[in-house]
């Protein structure tokens, strides 16, 4: 099962920035880790979009077929 991601991350490879100064504790994510994570998010998003597109096409084709009959 794929992990849910926000549209901002999927589209722009970044999270929403807030104008409030928030100090994070812990390690800062390495750039290579970040880019790998973003690559996976984009690949998973592409798979889901292709599947949805195919399902929509099949539904449209079914409806066309029903109208012809």
C-alpha atoms as a PDB file:
ATOM      1  CA  UNK A   1       0.000   0.000   0.000  1.00  0.00           C
ATOM      2  CA  UNK A   2       1.370   3.387  -0.909  1.00  0.00           C
ATOM      3  CA  UNK A   3       1.951   6.135   1.609  1.00  0.00           C
ATOM      4  CA  UNK A   4      -0.308   9.186   1.371  1.00  0.00           C
ATOM      5  CA  UNK A   5       1.520  12.366   0.357  1.00  0.00           C
ATOM      6  CA  UNK A   6       0.388  15.962   0.144  1.00  0.00           C
ATOM      7  CA  UNK A   7      -0.126  17.514  -3.272  1.00  0.00           C
ATOM      8  CA  UNK A   8       2.574  20.107  -2.533  1.00  0.00           C
ATOM      9  CA  UNK A   9       5.174  17.400  -2.044  1.00  0.00           C
ATOM     10  CA  UNK A  10       4.034  15.443  -5.102  1.00  0.00           C
ATOM     11  CA  UNK A  11       3.895  18.486  -7.392  1.00  0.00           C
ATOM     12  CA  UNK A  12       6.710  20.687  -6.148  1.00  0.00           C
ATOM     13  CA  UNK A  13       8.966  18.347  -4.134  1.00  0.00           C
ATOM     14  CA  UNK A  14       8.680  20.569  -1.087  1.00  0.00           C
ATOM     15  CA  UNK A  15       6.502  21.069   1.928  1.00  0.00           C
ATOM     16  CA  UNK A  16       4.471  24.131   2.797  1.00  0.00           C
ATOM     17  CA  UNK A  17       6.559  26.807   4.499  1.00  0.00           C
ATOM     18  CA  UNK A  18       5.063  28.699   7.422  1.00  0.00           C
ATOM     19  CA  UNK A  19       6.294  32.163   8.391  1.00  0.00           C
ATOM     20  CA  UNK A  20       6.683  31.111  12.022  1.00  0.00           C
ATOM     21  CA  UNK A  21      10.176  30.281  13.231  1.00  0.00           C
ATOM     22  CA  UNK A  22      10.010  26.606  14.186  1.00  0.00           C
ATOM     23  CA  UNK A  23      13.135  24.954  15.531  1.00  0.00           C
ATOM     24  CA  UNK A  24      13.405  21.285  14.621  1.00  0.00           C
ATOM     25  CA  UNK A  25      15.154  18.814  16.856  1.00  0.00           C
ATOM     26  CA  UNK A  26      17.082  15.907  15.442  1.00  0.00           C
ATOM     27  CA  UNK A  27      19.050  15.365  12.279  1.00  0.00           C
ATOM     28  CA  UNK A  28      18.523  17.361   9.151  1.00  0.00           C
ATOM     29  CA  UNK A  29      17.587  15.086   6.271  1.00  0.00           C
ATOM     30  CA  UNK A  30      20.502  14.563   3.924  1.00  0.00           C
ATOM     31  CA  UNK A  31      19.960  15.927   0.445  1.00  0.00           C
ATOM     32  CA  UNK A  32      20.486  12.520  -1.138  1.00  0.00           C
ATOM     33  CA  UNK A  33      17.876  10.978   1.156  1.00  0.00           C
ATOM     34  CA  UNK A  34      15.484  13.788   0.322  1.00  0.00           C
ATOM     35  CA  UNK A  35      15.953  13.460  -3.423  1.00  0.00           C
ATOM     36  CA  UNK A  36      15.503   9.671  -3.266  1.00  0.00           C
ATOM     37  CA  UNK A  37      12.318  10.092  -1.244  1.00  0.00           C
ATOM     38  CA  UNK A  38      10.982  12.664  -3.699  1.00  0.00           C
ATOM     39  CA  UNK A  39      11.829  10.402  -6.627  1.00  0.00           C
ATOM     40  CA  UNK A  40       9.836   7.554  -5.029  1.00  0.00           C
ATOM     41  CA  UNK A  41       6.893   9.870  -4.328  1.00  0.00           C
ATOM     42  CA  UNK A  42       6.819  11.034  -7.938  1.00  0.00           C
ATOM     43  CA  UNK A  43       7.104   7.462  -9.278  1.00  0.00           C
ATOM     44  CA  UNK A  44       4.275   6.256  -7.034  1.00  0.00           C
ATOM     45  CA  UNK A  45       2.153   9.242  -8.032  1.00  0.00           C
ATOM     46  CA  UNK A  46       2.737   8.491 -11.719  1.00  0.00           C
ATOM     47  CA  UNK A  47       1.668   4.863 -11.211  1.00  0.00           C
ATOM     48  CA  UNK A  48      -1.526   5.905  -9.433  1.00  0.00           C
ATOM     49  CA  UNK A  49      -2.339   8.513 -12.093  1.00  0.00           C
ATOM     50  CA  UNK A  50      -1.805   6.014 -14.939  1.00  0.00           C
ATOM     51  CA  UNK A  51      -4.028   3.449 -13.199  1.00  0.00           C
ATOM     52  CA  UNK A  52      -6.747   6.050 -12.657  1.00  0.00           C
ATOM     53  CA  UNK A  53      -6.489   7.190 -16.274  1.00  0.00           C
ATOM     54  CA  UNK A  54      -6.880   3.596 -17.504  1.00  0.00           C
ATOM     55  CA  UNK A  55      -9.902   3.036 -15.241  1.00  0.00           C
ATOM     56  CA  UNK A  56     -11.521   6.246 -16.524  1.00  0.00           C
ATOM     57  CA  UNK A  57     -10.871   5.169 -20.126  1.00  0.00           C
ATOM     58  CA  UNK A  58     -12.427   1.749 -19.520  1.00  0.00           C
ATOM     59  CA  UNK A  59     -15.502   3.353 -17.956  1.00  0.00           C
ATOM     60  CA  UNK A  60     -15.863   5.802 -20.859  1.00  0.00           C
ATOM     61  CA  UNK A  61     -15.474   2.964 -23.373  1.00  0.00           C
ATOM     62  CA  UNK A  62     -18.175   0.935 -21.548  1.00  0.00           C
ATOM     63  CA  UNK A  63     -20.551   3.873 -21.662  1.00  0.00           C
ATOM     64  CA  UNK A  64     -19.875   4.404 -25.395  1.00  0.00           C
ATOM     65  CA  UNK A  65     -20.551   0.735 -26.046  1.00  0.00           C
ATOM     66  CA  UNK A  66     -23.841   0.854 -24.126  1.00  0.00           C
ATOM     67  CA  UNK A  67     -25.004   3.890 -26.126  1.00  0.00           C
ATOM     68  CA  UNK A  68     -24.269   2.151 -29.458  1.00  0.00           C
ATOM     69  CA  UNK A  69     -26.300  -0.936 -28.521  1.00  0.00           C
END
